[in-house]
PDB file of N, CA and C in Angstrom:
ATOM      1  N   MET A   1       0.801  -1.317   0.041  1.00  0.00           N
ATOM      2  CA  MET A   1      -0.051  -0.162   0.094  1.00  0.00           C
ATOM      3  C   MET A   1       0.719   1.267  -0.067  1.00  0.00           C
ATOM      4  N   HIS A   2       0.531   2.131  -0.741  1.00  0.00           N
ATOM      5  CA  HIS A   2       1.113   3.568  -0.681  1.00  0.00           C
ATOM      6  C   HIS A   2       0.306   4.755  -0.408  1.00  0.00           C
ATOM      7  N   ILE A   3       0.483   5.431   0.430  1.00  0.00           N
ATOM      8  CA  ILE A   3      -0.234   6.739   0.883  1.00  0.00           C
ATOM      9  C   ILE A   3       0.602   7.835   0.361  1.00  0.00           C
ATOM     10  N   GLN A   4      -0.044   8.892  -0.253  1.00  0.00           N
ATOM     11  CA  GLN A   4       0.831   9.918  -0.560  1.00  0.00           C
ATOM     12  C   GLN A   4      -0.099  11.138  -0.459  1.00  0.00           C
ATOM     13  N   PHE A   5       0.147  12.220   0.144  1.00  0.00           N
ATOM     14  CA  PHE A   5      -0.273  13.464   0.481  1.00  0.00           C
ATOM     15  C   PHE A   5       0.324  14.793  -0.364  1.00  0.00           C
ATOM     16  N   GLN A   6      -0.360  15.617  -0.767  1.00  0.00           N
ATOM     17  CA  GLN A   6       0.336  16.653  -1.398  1.00  0.00           C
ATOM     18  C   GLN A   6       1.301  17.788  -0.261  1.00  0.00           C
ATOM     19  N   SER A   7       0.643  17.996   0.864  1.00  0.00           N
ATOM     20  CA  SER A   7       1.345  18.518   1.878  1.00  0.00           C
ATOM     21  C   SER A   7       1.286  18.077   3.315  1.00  0.00           C
ATOM     22  N   PRO A   8       2.151  18.455   4.310  1.00  0.00           N
ATOM     23  CA  PRO A   8       1.967  17.934   5.578  1.00  0.00           C
ATOM     24  C   PRO A   8       0.574  18.464   5.982  1.00  0.00           C
ATOM     25  N   ALA A   9       0.025  17.918   7.251  1.00  0.00           N
ATOM     26  CA  ALA A   9      -1.236  18.081   7.869  1.00  0.00           C
ATOM     27  C   ALA A   9      -0.862  19.377   8.809  1.00  0.00           C
ATOM     28  N   VAL A  10      -1.714  20.240   8.864  1.00  0.00           N
ATOM     29  CA  VAL A  10      -1.534  21.296   9.382  1.00  0.00           C
ATOM     30  C   VAL A  10      -2.057  21.339  10.880  1.00  0.00           C
ATOM     31  N   HIS A  11      -3.606  20.669  10.994  1.00  0.00           N
ATOM     32  CA  HIS A  11      -4.125  20.713  12.087  1.00  0.00           C
ATOM     33  C   HIS A  11      -4.246  19.186  12.592  1.00  0.00           C
ATOM     34  N   TRP A  12      -4.694  18.936  13.843  1.00  0.00           N
ATOM     35  CA  TRP A  12      -4.845  17.684  14.208  1.00  0.00           C
ATOM     36  C   TRP A  12      -5.759  16.666  13.461  1.00  0.00           C
ATOM     37  N   VAL A  13      -6.770  17.120  12.991  1.00  0.00           N
ATOM     38  CA  VAL A  13      -7.822  16.421  12.222  1.00  0.00           C
ATOM     39  C   VAL A  13      -7.394  16.191  10.691  1.00  0.00           C
ATOM     40  N   GLU A  14      -6.392  16.825  10.300  1.00  0.00           N
ATOM     41  CA  GLU A  14      -5.775  16.305   8.964  1.00  0.00           C
ATOM     42  C   GLU A  14      -4.870  15.251   9.082  1.00  0.00           C
ATOM     43  N   ALA A  15      -4.242  15.058  10.276  1.00  0.00           N
ATOM     44  CA  ALA A  15      -3.232  13.971  10.201  1.00  0.00           C
ATOM     45  C   ALA A  15      -3.774  12.550  10.163  1.00  0.00           C
ATOM     46  N   LEU A  16      -2.748  11.663   9.901  1.00  0.00           N
ATOM     47  CA  LEU A  16      -3.157  10.344   9.534  1.00  0.00           C
ATOM     48  C   LEU A  16      -3.022   9.463  10.773  1.00  0.00           C
ATOM     49  N   PRO A  17      -4.009   9.054  11.301  1.00  0.00           N
ATOM     50  CA  PRO A  17      -4.089   8.152  12.558  1.00  0.00           C
ATOM     51  C   PRO A  17      -3.635   6.766  12.429  1.00  0.00           C
ATOM     52  N   ILE A  18      -2.777   6.397  13.111  1.00  0.00           N
ATOM     53  CA  ILE A  18      -2.305   4.704  13.185  1.00  0.00           C
ATOM     54  C   ILE A  18      -2.245   4.180  14.592  1.00  0.00           C
ATOM     55  N   GLY A  19      -2.453   2.956  14.810  1.00  0.00           N
ATOM     56  CA  GLY A  19      -2.251   2.543  16.267  1.00  0.00           C
ATOM     57  C   GLY A  19      -2.871   1.234  16.150  1.00  0.00           C
ATOM     58  N   ASN A  20      -2.809   0.573  17.382  1.00  0.00           N
ATOM     59  CA  ASN A  20      -3.185  -0.644  17.720  1.00  0.00           C
ATOM     60  C   ASN A  20      -4.430  -0.969  18.755  1.00  0.00           C
ATOM     61  N   GLY A  21      -4.874   0.190  19.050  1.00  0.00           N
ATOM     62  CA  GLY A  21      -6.166   0.260  20.182  1.00  0.00           C
ATOM     63  C   GLY A  21      -5.524   0.706  21.517  1.00  0.00           C
ATOM     64  N   ARG A  22      -4.177   0.536  21.753  1.00  0.00           N
ATOM     65  CA  ARG A  22      -3.577   0.883  22.996  1.00  0.00           C
ATOM     66  C   ARG A  22      -2.522   1.857  22.902  1.00  0.00           C
ATOM     67  N   LEU A  23      -1.992   1.837  21.764  1.00  0.00           N
ATOM     68  CA  LEU A  23      -0.682   2.704  21.578  1.00  0.00           C
ATOM     69  C   LEU A  23      -1.299   3.568  20.213  1.00  0.00           C
ATOM     70  N   GLY A  24      -1.150   4.776  20.254  1.00  0.00           N
ATOM     71  CA  GLY A  24      -1.596   5.396  18.906  1.00  0.00           C
ATOM     72  C   GLY A  24      -0.829   6.705  18.578  1.00  0.00           C
ATOM     73  N   ALA A  25      -0.934   7.209  17.365  1.00  0.00           N
ATOM     74  CA  ALA A  25      -0.358   8.343  16.869  1.00  0.00           C
ATOM     75  C   ALA A  25      -1.035   8.920  15.598  1.00  0.00           C
ATOM     76  N   MET A  26      -0.662  10.216  15.660  1.00  0.00           N
ATOM     77  CA  MET A  26      -1.168  11.072  14.557  1.00  0.00           C
ATOM     78  C   MET A  26      -0.229  11.654  13.660  1.00  0.00           C
ATOM     79  N   VAL A  27       0.045  11.107  12.618  1.00  0.00           N
ATOM     80  CA  VAL A  27       1.089  11.381  11.861  1.00  0.00           C
ATOM     81  C   VAL A  27       0.909  12.730  10.913  1.00  0.00           C
ATOM     82  N   PHE A  28       1.772  13.759  10.847  1.00  0.00           N
ATOM     83  CA  PHE A  28       1.212  14.934  10.083  1.00  0.00           C
ATOM     84  C   PHE A  28       2.080  15.026   9.059  1.00  0.00           C
ATOM     85  N   GLY A  29       3.028  14.405   8.849  1.00  0.00           N
ATOM     86  CA  GLY A  29       3.926  14.295   7.672  1.00  0.00           C
ATOM     87  C   GLY A  29       4.898  15.455   7.630  1.00  0.00           C
ATOM     88  N   GLY A  30       5.687  15.527   6.717  1.00  0.00           N
ATOM     89  CA  GLY A  30       6.605  16.542   6.377  1.00  0.00           C
ATOM     90  C   GLY A  30       7.966  15.985   6.025  1.00  0.00           C
ATOM     91  N   ILE A  31       8.825  16.805   5.135  1.00  0.00           N
ATOM     92  CA  ILE A  31       9.964  16.380   4.598  1.00  0.00           C
ATOM     93  C   ILE A  31      11.263  16.835   5.621  1.00  0.00           C
ATOM     94  N   GLU A  32      11.039  18.156   5.716  1.00  0.00           N
ATOM     95  CA  GLU A  32      12.206  18.893   6.637  1.00  0.00           C
ATOM     96  C   GLU A  32      12.156  18.344   8.030  1.00  0.00           C
ATOM     97  N   LYS A  33      10.693  18.241   8.549  1.00  0.00           N
ATOM     98  CA  LYS A  33      10.465  18.244  10.006  1.00  0.00           C
ATOM     99  C   LYS A  33       9.376  17.257  10.015  1.00  0.00           C
ATOM    100  N   GLU A  34       9.461  16.011  10.391  1.00  0.00           N
ATOM    101  CA  GLU A  34       8.055  15.383  10.890  1.00  0.00           C
ATOM    102  C   GLU A  34       7.401  15.629  12.160  1.00  0.00           C
ATOM    103  N   ARG A  35       6.430  15.535  12.278  1.00  0.00           N
ATOM    104  CA  ARG A  35       5.490  15.931  13.514  1.00  0.00           C
ATOM    105  C   ARG A  35       4.663  14.598  13.615  1.00  0.00           C
ATOM    106  N   ILE A  36       4.813  13.809  14.985  1.00  0.00           N
ATOM    107  CA  ILE A  36       3.978  12.723  15.328  1.00  0.00           C
ATOM    108  C   ILE A  36       3.510  13.052  16.889  1.00  0.00           C
ATOM    109  N   ALA A  37       2.259  12.973  16.827  1.00  0.00           N
ATOM    110  CA  ALA A  37       1.688  13.049  18.207  1.00  0.00           C
ATOM    111  C   ALA A  37       1.325  11.619  18.689  1.00  0.00           C
ATOM    112  N   LEU A  38       1.763  11.096  20.061  1.00  0.00           N
ATOM    113  CA  LEU A  38       1.756   9.802  20.453  1.00  0.00           C
ATOM    114  C   LEU A  38       0.829  10.077  21.518  1.00  0.00           C
ATOM    115  N   ASN A  39       0.078   8.882  21.625  1.00  0.00           N
ATOM    116  CA  ASN A  39      -0.880   8.677  22.815  1.00  0.00           C
ATOM    117  C   ASN A  39      -0.865   7.181  23.224  1.00  0.00           C
ATOM    118  N   GLU A  40      -0.641   6.998  24.616  1.00  0.00           N
ATOM    119  CA  GLU A  40      -1.019   5.446  25.206  1.00  0.00           C
ATOM    120  C   GLU A  40      -2.030   5.587  25.984  1.00  0.00           C
ATOM    121  N   ASP A  41      -2.945   4.727  25.973  1.00  0.00           N
ATOM    122  CA  ASP A  41      -4.163   4.676  26.764  1.00  0.00           C
ATOM    123  C   ASP A  41      -4.258   4.721  28.376  1.00  0.00           C
ATOM    124  N   THR A  42      -2.947   4.457  28.856  1.00  0.00           N
ATOM    125  CA  THR A  42      -2.755   4.602  30.328  1.00  0.00           C
ATOM    126  C   THR A  42      -2.262   5.815  30.799  1.00  0.00           C
ATOM    127  N   LEU A  43      -1.796   6.686  29.892  1.00  0.00           N
ATOM    128  CA  LEU A  43      -1.135   7.891  30.317  1.00  0.00           C
ATOM    129  C   LEU A  43      -2.203   8.796  31.118  1.00  0.00           C
ATOM    130  N   TRP A  44      -3.337   8.937  30.434  1.00  0.00           N
ATOM    131  CA  TRP A  44      -4.220   9.949  31.283  1.00  0.00           C
ATOM    132  C   TRP A  44      -5.650   9.834  30.532  1.00  0.00           C
ATOM    133  N   SER A  45      -6.717   9.732  31.163  1.00  0.00           N
ATOM    134  CA  SER A  45      -7.966   9.561  30.616  1.00  0.00           C
ATOM    135  C   SER A  45      -8.876  10.585  31.041  1.00  0.00           C
ATOM    136  N   GLY A  46      -8.132  11.631  31.818  1.00  0.00           N
ATOM    137  CA  GLY A  46      -8.895  12.659  32.528  1.00  0.00           C
ATOM    138  C   GLY A  46      -9.366  12.494  33.771  1.00  0.00           C
ATOM    139  N   PHE A  47      -9.467  11.334  34.387  1.00  0.00           N
ATOM    140  CA  PHE A  47      -9.562  11.140  36.004  1.00  0.00           C
ATOM    141  C   PHE A  47      -8.830   9.898  36.266  1.00  0.00           C
ATOM    142  N   PRO A  48      -8.315  10.029  37.627  1.00  0.00           N
ATOM    143  CA  PRO A  48      -7.652   8.728  38.046  1.00  0.00           C
ATOM    144  C   PRO A  48      -8.441   7.343  37.905  1.00  0.00           C
ATOM    145  N   GLY A  49      -7.740   6.379  37.563  1.00  0.00           N
ATOM    146  CA  GLY A  49      -8.526   5.048  37.530  1.00  0.00           C
ATOM    147  C   GLY A  49      -7.688   3.613  37.862  1.00  0.00           C
ATOM    148  N   GLU A  50      -8.432   2.868  38.029  1.00  0.00           N
ATOM    149  CA  GLU A  50      -7.970   1.747  38.528  1.00  0.00           C
ATOM    150  C   GLU A  50      -7.882   0.700  37.146  1.00  0.00           C
ATOM    151  N   TRP A  51      -6.672   0.388  36.675  1.00  0.00           N
ATOM    152  CA  TRP A  51      -6.968  -0.175  35.455  1.00  0.00           C
ATOM    153  C   TRP A  51      -6.925  -1.705  35.544  1.00  0.00           C
ATOM    154  N   ASN A  52      -6.715  -2.545  36.838  1.00  0.00           N
ATOM    155  CA  ASN A  52      -6.675  -4.010  36.889  1.00  0.00           C
ATOM    156  C   ASN A  52      -8.126  -4.278  36.882  1.00  0.00           C
ATOM    157  N   ASN A  53      -8.364  -5.482  36.424  1.00  0.00           N
ATOM    158  CA  ASN A  53      -9.593  -6.022  36.543  1.00  0.00           C
ATOM    159  C   ASN A  53      -9.706  -7.076  37.327  1.00  0.00           C
ATOM    160  N   PRO A  54     -10.215  -7.145  38.681  1.00  0.00           N
ATOM    161  CA  PRO A  54     -10.189  -8.004  39.633  1.00  0.00           C
ATOM    162  C   PRO A  54     -10.902  -9.588  39.051  1.00  0.00           C
ATOM    163  N   GLY A  55     -11.649  -9.388  38.078  1.00  0.00           N
ATOM    164  CA  GLY A  55     -12.563 -10.656  37.545  1.00  0.00           C
ATOM    165  C   GLY A  55     -11.864 -11.277  36.615  1.00  0.00           C
ATOM    166  N   THR A  56     -10.636 -10.856  35.950  1.00  0.00           N
ATOM    167  CA  THR A  56      -9.809 -11.452  35.025  1.00  0.00           C
ATOM    168  C   THR A  56      -9.659 -12.999  35.294  1.00  0.00           C
ATOM    169  N   LYS A  57      -8.963 -13.288  36.441  1.00  0.00           N
ATOM    170  CA  LYS A  57      -8.437 -14.511  36.821  1.00  0.00           C
ATOM    171  C   LYS A  57      -9.805 -15.582  36.879  1.00  0.00           C
ATOM    172  N   ALA A  58     -10.842 -15.102  37.214  1.00  0.00           N
ATOM    173  CA  ALA A  58     -12.014 -16.091  37.242  1.00  0.00           C
ATOM    174  C   ALA A  58     -12.441 -16.118  35.715  1.00  0.00           C
ATOM    175  N   ALA A  59     -12.318 -15.185  35.016  1.00  0.00           N
ATOM    176  CA  ALA A  59     -12.901 -15.280  33.396  1.00  0.00           C
ATOM    177  C   ALA A  59     -12.002 -16.286  32.753  1.00  0.00           C
ATOM    178  N   LEU A  60     -10.727 -16.072  32.984  1.00  0.00           N
ATOM    179  CA  LEU A  60      -9.885 -16.849  32.217  1.00  0.00           C
ATOM    180  C   LEU A  60      -9.821 -18.271  32.473  1.00  0.00           C
ATOM    181  N   ARG A  61     -10.280 -18.720  34.055  1.00  0.00           N
ATOM    182  CA  ARG A  61     -10.436 -19.908  34.322  1.00  0.00           C
ATOM    183  C   ARG A  61     -11.775 -20.411  33.504  1.00  0.00           C
ATOM    184  N   ASN A  62     -12.613 -19.730  33.739  1.00  0.00           N
ATOM    185  CA  ASN A  62     -13.889 -20.239  32.911  1.00  0.00           C
ATOM    186  C   ASN A  62     -13.803 -20.437  31.447  1.00  0.00           C
ATOM    187  N   GLU A  63     -12.929 -19.485  30.873  1.00  0.00           N
ATOM    188  CA  GLU A  63     -12.772 -19.832  29.090  1.00  0.00           C
ATOM    189  C   GLU A  63     -11.863 -21.190  29.191  1.00  0.00           C
ATOM    190  N   GLY A  64     -10.960 -21.222  29.843  1.00  0.00           N
ATOM    191  CA  GLY A  64     -10.058 -22.534  29.878  1.00  0.00           C
ATOM    192  C   GLY A  64     -11.156 -23.684  29.841  1.00  0.00           C
ATOM    193  N   ALA A  65     -11.888 -23.730  30.941  1.00  0.00           N
ATOM    194  CA  ALA A  65     -12.993 -24.917  31.114  1.00  0.00           C
ATOM    195  C   ALA A  65     -13.911 -25.007  29.914  1.00  0.00           C
ATOM    196  N   MET A  66     -14.238 -24.191  29.149  1.00  0.00           N
ATOM    197  CA  MET A  66     -15.121 -24.094  28.047  1.00  0.00           C
ATOM    198  C   MET A  66     -14.375 -24.672  26.903  1.00  0.00           C
ATOM    199  N   GLU A  67     -12.955 -24.426  26.926  1.00  0.00           N
ATOM    200  CA  GLU A  67     -12.292 -25.216  25.754  1.00  0.00           C
ATOM    201  C   GLU A  67     -12.023 -26.657  26.077  1.00  0.00           C
ATOM    202  N   GLN A  68     -12.206 -27.225  26.937  1.00  0.00           N
ATOM    203  CA  GLN A  68     -11.805 -28.540  27.204  1.00  0.00           C
ATOM    204  C   GLN A  68     -13.054 -29.416  26.800  1.00  0.00           C
TER     205      GLN A  68
END
């Protein structure tokens, strides 16, 4: 695949979004100076949060039982 733009993005909404759901970036493009805005989902969500799910162990145990 080949993507080509005529000029670099000026505003955030013009940038090319890339990522995998956890780590993302907005690529603005440019030849002399590249600009990339990075974001990782645990950096800041606007409020303090607990990212550990206490039910994960039980859910994985149940999933393993279903596969057998």
